[in-house]
């Protein structure tokens, strides 16, 4: 299910098997459970563990593009990773722009 998929993505990422983790995330339409917010959070955590802030940021953007609602884990991982990488301004700017554009999912489930 989705939980085991997320665990596998996280494990692959921690082992630095980024390509396999990304392929598993992208395989949602091929008989596997469709990725949910928790699956993207797992991918974000995997990237964050290696301080791959750009990839973490991209996973967060995919939540938006796939019309999924980020939760407190999504925001926390994004902001923590970007802050550690010295890129918190990029995350803040993007989140601010979404709020200005009236995105209604900001703040849901927080």
C-alpha atoms as a PDB file:
ATOM      1  CA  UNK A   1       0.000   0.000   0.000  1.00  0.00           C
ATOM      2  CA  UNK A   2       0.875   3.651   0.199  1.00  0.00           C
ATOM      3  CA  UNK A   3       2.601   3.326   3.598  1.00  0.00           C
ATOM      4  CA  UNK A   4       4.955   0.574   2.423  1.00  0.00           C
ATOM      5  CA  UNK A   5       5.653   2.514  -0.780  1.00  0.00           C
ATOM      6  CA  UNK A   6       6.610   5.553   1.288  1.00  0.00           C
ATOM      7  CA  UNK A   7       8.854   3.439   3.518  1.00  0.00           C
ATOM      8  CA  UNK A   8      10.582   1.963   0.500  1.00  0.00           C
ATOM      9  CA  UNK A   9      11.085   5.414  -1.050  1.00  0.00           C
ATOM     10  CA  UNK A  10      12.560   6.688   2.209  1.00  0.00           C
ATOM     11  CA  UNK A  11      14.887   3.690   2.485  1.00  0.00           C
ATOM     12  CA  UNK A  12      16.037   4.025  -1.119  1.00  0.00           C
ATOM     13  CA  UNK A  13      16.699   7.707  -0.612  1.00  0.00           C
ATOM     14  CA  UNK A  14      18.672   7.170   2.575  1.00  0.00           C
ATOM     15  CA  UNK A  15      20.770   4.626   0.683  1.00  0.00           C
ATOM     16  CA  UNK A  16      21.280   7.309  -1.989  1.00  0.00           C
ATOM     17  CA  UNK A  17      19.403   5.353  -4.654  1.00  0.00           C
ATOM     18  CA  UNK A  18      17.631   8.521  -5.841  1.00  0.00           C
ATOM     19  CA  UNK A  19      16.773   7.299  -9.316  1.00  0.00           C
ATOM     20  CA  UNK A  20      15.045   4.145  -8.047  1.00  0.00           C
ATOM     21  CA  UNK A  21      13.144   6.125  -5.410  1.00  0.00           C
ATOM     22  CA  UNK A  22      11.990   8.637  -8.023  1.00  0.00           C
ATOM     23  CA  UNK A  23      10.947   5.814 -10.373  1.00  0.00           C
ATOM     24  CA  UNK A  24       8.895   4.230  -7.605  1.00  0.00           C
ATOM     25  CA  UNK A  25       7.236   7.573  -6.890  1.00  0.00           C
ATOM     26  CA  UNK A  26       6.468   8.009 -10.594  1.00  0.00           C
ATOM     27  CA  UNK A  27       5.075   4.471 -10.901  1.00  0.00           C
ATOM     28  CA  UNK A  28       1.847   5.451  -9.156  1.00  0.00           C
ATOM     29  CA  UNK A  29      -0.294   4.874 -12.212  1.00  0.00           C
ATOM     30  CA  UNK A  30       1.113   1.462 -13.062  1.00  0.00           C
ATOM     31  CA  UNK A  31      -0.800  -0.735 -10.669  1.00  0.00           C
ATOM     32  CA  UNK A  32       0.703   0.626  -7.484  1.00  0.00           C
ATOM     33  CA  UNK A  33      -1.289   2.797  -5.118  1.00  0.00           C
ATOM     34  CA  UNK A  34      -1.372   6.389  -6.340  1.00  0.00           C
ATOM     35  CA  UNK A  35       1.073   8.541  -4.431  1.00  0.00           C
ATOM     36  CA  UNK A  36      -0.412  10.562  -1.590  1.00  0.00           C
ATOM     37  CA  UNK A  37       0.991  13.416   0.454  1.00  0.00           C
ATOM     38  CA  UNK A  38       2.729  10.928   2.756  1.00  0.00           C
ATOM     39  CA  UNK A  39       4.515   9.355  -0.229  1.00  0.00           C
ATOM     40  CA  UNK A  40       5.828  12.726  -1.365  1.00  0.00           C
ATOM     41  CA  UNK A  41       6.797  13.509   2.225  1.00  0.00           C
ATOM     42  CA  UNK A  42       8.862  10.306   2.254  1.00  0.00           C
ATOM     43  CA  UNK A  43      10.621  11.397  -0.933  1.00  0.00           C
ATOM     44  CA  UNK A  44      11.200  14.852   0.542  1.00  0.00           C
ATOM     45  CA  UNK A  45      12.659  13.292   3.713  1.00  0.00           C
ATOM     46  CA  UNK A  46      14.919  11.085   1.612  1.00  0.00           C
ATOM     47  CA  UNK A  47      16.291  14.106  -0.253  1.00  0.00           C
ATOM     48  CA  UNK A  48      16.499  16.131   2.954  1.00  0.00           C
ATOM     49  CA  UNK A  49      18.631  13.482   4.651  1.00  0.00           C
ATOM     50  CA  UNK A  50      21.323  14.229   2.054  1.00  0.00           C
ATOM     51  CA  UNK A  51      20.675  18.001   2.110  1.00  0.00           C
ATOM     52  CA  UNK A  52      19.401  17.897  -1.469  1.00  0.00           C
ATOM     53  CA  UNK A  53      17.356  21.075  -1.015  1.00  0.00           C
ATOM     54  CA  UNK A  54      16.512  21.576  -4.710  1.00  0.00           C
ATOM     55  CA  UNK A  55      15.056  18.077  -4.992  1.00  0.00           C
ATOM     56  CA  UNK A  56      13.190  18.535  -1.707  1.00  0.00           C
ATOM     57  CA  UNK A  57      11.750  21.762  -3.067  1.00  0.00           C
ATOM     58  CA  UNK A  58      10.796  20.024  -6.335  1.00  0.00           C
ATOM     59  CA  UNK A  59       8.907  17.288  -4.454  1.00  0.00           C
ATOM     60  CA  UNK A  60       7.022  19.966  -2.541  1.00  0.00           C
ATOM     61  CA  UNK A  61       6.111  21.634  -5.843  1.00  0.00           C
ATOM     62  CA  UNK A  62       4.860  18.291  -7.174  1.00  0.00           C
ATOM     63  CA  UNK A  63       2.330  18.198  -4.336  1.00  0.00           C
ATOM     64  CA  UNK A  64       0.941  21.453  -5.693  1.00  0.00           C
ATOM     65  CA  UNK A  65       1.014  20.302  -9.316  1.00  0.00           C
ATOM     66  CA  UNK A  66      -0.725  17.019  -8.465  1.00  0.00           C
ATOM     67  CA  UNK A  67      -3.394  18.871  -6.446  1.00  0.00           C
ATOM     68  CA  UNK A  68      -2.386  17.137  -3.218  1.00  0.00           C
ATOM     69  CA  UNK A  69      -2.475  18.971   0.094  1.00  0.00           C
ATOM     70  CA  UNK A  70       0.833  19.341   1.912  1.00  0.00           C
ATOM     71  CA  UNK A  71       0.678  18.835   5.651  1.00  0.00           C
ATOM     72  CA  UNK A  72       2.801  19.963   8.590  1.00  0.00           C
ATOM     73  CA  UNK A  73       5.450  17.366   7.688  1.00  0.00           C
ATOM     74  CA  UNK A  74       5.679  18.713   4.123  1.00  0.00           C
ATOM     75  CA  UNK A  75       6.175  22.294   5.285  1.00  0.00           C
ATOM     76  CA  UNK A  76       8.550  21.327   8.087  1.00  0.00           C
ATOM     77  CA  UNK A  77      10.813  19.223   5.868  1.00  0.00           C
ATOM     78  CA  UNK A  78      10.888  21.878   3.158  1.00  0.00           C
ATOM     79  CA  UNK A  79      11.667  24.759   5.480  1.00  0.00           C
ATOM     80  CA  UNK A  80      14.207  22.823   7.562  1.00  0.00           C
ATOM     81  CA  UNK A  81      16.081  21.563   4.494  1.00  0.00           C
ATOM     82  CA  UNK A  82      16.109  24.943   2.788  1.00  0.00           C
ATOM     83  CA  UNK A  83      17.215  26.665   6.005  1.00  0.00           C
ATOM     84  CA  UNK A  84      20.096  24.249   6.576  1.00  0.00           C
ATOM     85  CA  UNK A  85      21.154  24.767   2.948  1.00  0.00           C
ATOM     86  CA  UNK A  86      20.933  28.538   3.393  1.00  0.00           C
ATOM     87  CA  UNK A  87      18.033  28.726   0.911  1.00  0.00           C
ATOM     88  CA  UNK A  88      15.119  29.522   3.227  1.00  0.00           C
ATOM     89  CA  UNK A  89      14.378  32.661   1.206  1.00  0.00           C
ATOM     90  CA  UNK A  90      13.522  30.561  -1.846  1.00  0.00           C
ATOM     91  CA  UNK A  91      11.006  28.458   0.086  1.00  0.00           C
ATOM     92  CA  UNK A  92       9.548  31.514   1.809  1.00  0.00           C
ATOM     93  CA  UNK A  93       9.207  33.394  -1.476  1.00  0.00           C
ATOM     94  CA  UNK A  94       7.424  30.499  -3.183  1.00  0.00           C
ATOM     95  CA  UNK A  95       5.063  29.923  -0.276  1.00  0.00           C
ATOM     96  CA  UNK A  96       4.314  33.646  -0.108  1.00  0.00           C
ATOM     97  CA  UNK A  97       3.534  33.717  -3.818  1.00  0.00           C
ATOM     98  CA  UNK A  98       1.138  30.793  -3.463  1.00  0.00           C
ATOM     99  CA  UNK A  99      -0.645  32.593  -0.659  1.00  0.00           C
ATOM    100  CA  UNK A 100      -0.899  35.781  -2.753  1.00  0.00           C
ATOM    101  CA  UNK A 101      -2.287  33.748  -5.649  1.00  0.00           C
ATOM    102  CA  UNK A 102      -5.030  32.522  -3.329  1.00  0.00           C
ATOM    103  CA  UNK A 103      -4.028  28.894  -3.178  1.00  0.00           C
ATOM    104  CA  UNK A 104      -6.555  27.461  -0.768  1.00  0.00           C
ATOM    105  CA  UNK A 105      -4.526  24.475   0.423  1.00  0.00           C
ATOM    106  CA  UNK A 106      -2.018  26.527   2.390  1.00  0.00           C
ATOM    107  CA  UNK A 107      -2.792  26.000   6.027  1.00  0.00           C
ATOM    108  CA  UNK A 108      -4.914  22.879   5.519  1.00  0.00           C
ATOM    109  CA  UNK A 109      -4.112  20.101   7.964  1.00  0.00           C
ATOM    110  CA  UNK A 110      -1.629  22.278   9.842  1.00  0.00           C
END
